[in-house]
Protein backbone atom coordinates (compact mmCIF):
# COMPACT_ATOMS: atom_id res chain seq x y z
CA MET A 1 15.90 1.86 1.83
CA PRO A 2 14.52 5.20 3.48
CA ASN A 3 17.08 7.77 4.28
CA SER A 4 16.69 8.03 7.89
CA LEU A 5 14.19 6.25 10.49
CA TYR A 6 14.42 8.00 13.68
CA PHE A 7 12.40 7.04 17.08
CA ASP A 8 12.18 9.99 19.84
CA SER A 9 11.82 7.45 22.75
CA LYS A 10 10.81 10.45 24.91
CA ASN A 11 7.80 11.29 22.88
CA ASN A 12 7.14 7.90 21.78
CA ILE A 13 7.39 9.54 17.86
CA ILE A 14 8.45 7.15 14.90
CA GLU A 15 9.50 9.39 11.88
CA LEU A 16 10.31 7.71 8.29
CA ASN A 17 12.07 10.73 6.15
CA GLY A 18 10.98 13.20 8.64
CA VAL A 19 7.54 12.40 8.18
CA PRO A 20 5.62 11.00 11.48
CA VAL A 21 4.34 7.61 10.89
CA SER A 22 1.88 5.39 13.13
CA LEU A 23 1.72 1.77 13.74
CA HIS A 24 -1.42 0.31 14.94
CA CYS A 25 -2.31 -3.30 16.11
CA HIS A 26 -4.65 -5.45 14.08
CA HIS A 27 -7.24 -4.78 16.29
CA TYR A 28 -7.35 -1.19 15.35
CA ASN A 29 -6.77 -1.81 11.74
CA CYS A 30 -9.23 -4.40 11.16
CA GLY A 31 -11.70 -2.69 13.55
CA LEU A 32 -11.29 0.59 11.28
CA LEU A 33 -11.92 -1.58 8.11
CA SER A 34 -14.91 -3.28 9.50
CA ALA A 35 -16.66 0.35 10.69
CA ILE A 36 -15.66 1.68 7.23
CA GLU A 37 -17.33 -1.47 5.39
CA GLU A 38 -20.49 -0.77 7.36
CA ILE A 39 -21.05 2.55 6.45
CA ALA A 40 -24.12 3.10 4.12
CA ASN A 41 -23.97 5.00 1.11
CA ILE A 42 -20.24 5.32 0.89
CA ASP A 43 -17.88 3.01 -0.98
CA GLY A 44 -15.27 2.46 1.90
CA HIS A 45 -13.11 0.25 -0.14
CA ALA A 46 -12.54 3.15 -2.48
CA VAL A 47 -11.87 5.40 0.32
CA ILE A 48 -9.06 3.60 1.63
CA LYS A 49 -7.81 2.78 -1.85
CA GLU A 50 -7.87 6.48 -2.82
CA THR A 51 -6.45 7.74 0.81
CA ALA A 52 -3.51 5.54 0.59
CA ALA A 53 -2.90 6.18 -3.02
CA LYS A 54 -2.79 10.05 -2.54
CA GLU A 55 -0.42 9.69 0.75
CA PHE A 56 1.86 7.39 -0.69
CA GLY A 57 2.30 9.04 -4.06
CA ALA A 58 2.64 12.12 -2.06
CA LYS A 59 5.29 10.90 0.29
CA PHE A 60 6.98 8.70 -1.92
CA LYS A 61 7.53 11.38 -4.46
CA GLN A 62 9.04 13.62 -1.93
CA PHE A 63 11.33 10.34 -0.97
CA LEU A 64 12.31 10.25 -4.29
CA GLU A 65 13.14 14.08 -4.83
CA GLN A 66 15.39 13.34 -1.99
CA GLU A 67 17.65 11.34 -3.23
CA THR A 68 20.55 12.56 -4.22
CA GLU A 69 21.03 9.99 -7.85
CA ALA A 70 17.95 9.86 -9.89
CA LEU A 71 16.31 5.80 -9.46
CA SER A 72 15.86 4.45 -12.27
CA PRO A 73 11.64 3.09 -11.92
CA ASP A 74 13.07 -0.65 -10.73
CA LYS A 75 15.44 0.66 -8.54
CA ALA A 76 12.42 2.98 -7.01
CA LEU A 77 9.93 -0.03 -7.02
CA GLN A 78 12.54 -1.64 -5.11
CA GLU A 79 12.95 1.08 -2.52
CA ALA A 80 9.01 1.21 -2.51
CA ALA A 81 8.90 -2.70 -1.53
CA GLU A 82 11.41 -2.24 1.34
CA LEU A 83 9.17 0.29 2.60
CA TYR A 84 6.11 -1.46 2.79
CA ARG A 85 8.30 -4.02 4.26
CA LEU A 86 9.58 -2.06 6.55
CA MET A 87 6.36 -0.40 8.02
CA GLY A 88 5.48 -3.88 9.08
CA PHE A 89 2.76 -4.46 6.07
CA GLY A 90 4.33 -7.94 4.43
CA ARG A 91 6.54 -8.10 1.26
CA LEU A 92 5.81 -7.48 -2.15
CA ASP A 93 6.71 -8.29 -5.35
CA LEU A 94 6.75 -5.05 -7.57
CA SER A 95 9.31 -6.31 -9.99
CA ASN A 96 6.55 -6.98 -12.57
CA LEU A 97 5.31 -3.51 -12.91
CA THR A 98 5.60 -0.83 -15.72
CA ALA A 99 4.21 2.63 -16.57
CA ARG A 100 1.44 0.38 -17.84
CA GLY A 101 0.60 -1.57 -14.67
CA GLY A 102 1.31 -5.47 -14.23
CA VAL A 103 1.07 -7.83 -11.51
CA VAL A 104 1.96 -7.55 -7.91
CA TYR A 105 2.30 -10.71 -5.34
CA SER A 106 2.59 -10.93 -1.84
CA ASP A 107 3.30 -13.97 0.00
CA SER A 108 3.14 -12.12 3.36
CA SER A 109 -0.10 -9.58 3.95
CA TYR A 110 -0.27 -7.93 7.44
CA PHE A 111 -3.75 -6.84 6.43
CA ALA A 112 -5.06 -10.91 5.44
CA VAL A 113 -3.36 -12.16 8.62
CA SER A 114 -4.63 -9.74 10.57
CA TRP A 115 -8.48 -10.13 9.71
CA LEU A 116 -7.68 -14.10 10.25
CA ALA A 117 -6.18 -13.54 13.33
CA LYS A 118 -9.34 -11.09 14.71
CA PHE A 119 -12.38 -12.10 12.56
CA GLY A 120 -11.70 -15.27 10.49
CA ARG A 121 -11.81 -15.94 6.68
CA ARG A 122 -14.44 -13.91 5.17
CA GLU A 123 -15.50 -14.09 1.49
CA THR A 124 -13.89 -10.79 -0.37
CA PRO A 125 -10.00 -10.09 -0.47
CA VAL A 126 -9.40 -7.53 2.41
CA CYS A 127 -6.10 -5.43 1.20
CA TYR A 128 -7.38 -2.23 -0.07
CA PHE A 129 -4.94 -0.57 1.85
CA THR A 130 -2.18 -2.44 -0.40
CA CYS A 131 -4.21 -1.90 -3.80
CA GLY A 132 -3.80 2.22 -2.63
CA PHE A 133 -0.09 1.83 -2.11
CA ILE A 134 0.48 0.43 -5.14
CA ALA A 135 -1.31 3.02 -7.11
CA GLY A 136 0.43 5.64 -4.92
CA ILE A 137 3.90 4.91 -5.60
CA LEU A 138 3.73 4.09 -9.18
CA SER A 139 2.12 7.77 -9.38
CA ALA A 140 5.18 9.00 -7.77
CA ILE A 141 7.74 6.64 -9.66
CA PHE A 142 6.11 7.64 -13.07
CA HIS A 143 5.19 11.25 -12.42
CA VAL A 144 1.33 10.99 -13.03
CA PRO A 145 -1.75 11.65 -10.62
CA PRO A 146 -2.42 8.93 -8.09
CA ASP A 147 -6.10 8.11 -9.80
CA THR A 148 -4.12 7.05 -12.99
CA TYR A 149 -4.20 3.62 -11.81
CA GLU A 150 -6.71 0.82 -11.26
CA VAL A 151 -5.31 -1.71 -8.93
CA GLN A 152 -7.60 -5.25 -8.11
CA GLU A 153 -6.84 -7.54 -5.86
CA THR A 154 -7.90 -11.01 -7.52
CA GLU A 155 -6.28 -13.55 -5.09
CA CYS A 156 -5.75 -13.19 -1.07
CA ILE A 157 -4.56 -15.16 1.61
CA ILE A 158 -7.52 -14.53 3.40
CA LEU A 159 -9.47 -16.56 0.47
CA ARG A 160 -7.21 -19.53 1.01
CA HIS A 161 -5.08 -18.65 -1.58
CA ASP A 162 -0.96 -19.03 -1.48
CA LEU A 163 -0.68 -15.47 -2.17
CA CYS A 164 -2.46 -11.97 -2.64
CA LYS A 165 -2.47 -10.75 -6.28
CA PHE A 166 -2.94 -7.58 -7.47
CA ILE A 167 -3.69 -6.76 -10.89
CA VAL A 168 -2.43 -3.13 -12.14
CA THR A 169 -4.07 -1.24 -15.00
CA GLU A 170 -4.25 2.07 -16.25
CA LYS A 171 -7.57 3.35 -16.09
CA SER A 172 -8.82 4.87 -19.37
CA ASP A 173 -9.17 8.61 -20.13
CA GLY A 174 -12.95 8.11 -19.59
CA ASN A 175 -12.87 7.37 -15.86
């Protein structure tokens, strides 16, 4: 679990391990995703994944470096799952991950549930931010660049699956 969660009620600021965090409602987040998807000539999904991977990779690396004892990869993955939950994004089962990748499951996705509440069903998965989160925390745990991992959501609650399922692989050197 994160070392410090602080709320400055006077200034309405939340800090997680000294880093200000911003929590937005589903209207904002779904509207932002929808707007990014509509921008021509960019891969909005890649922008979301890459940004989340870089930010969570850097911040989770800082968190790991602040720990008084080095965490095993399994313990670090547990901490990452707790961080994801604490930030209100849902539950992730990261227990099947290794430095080479693996499979992640989520039985509770803020992004899928939020999209359903705001816009209803869609034909494609919606958890691009989660893909980036997974790539970022793996990069921090295994000391590699955030773009080392490719994370694809292959099943999504929004598509009437029981869970969101993410396949994590190492990118080949050619990518």
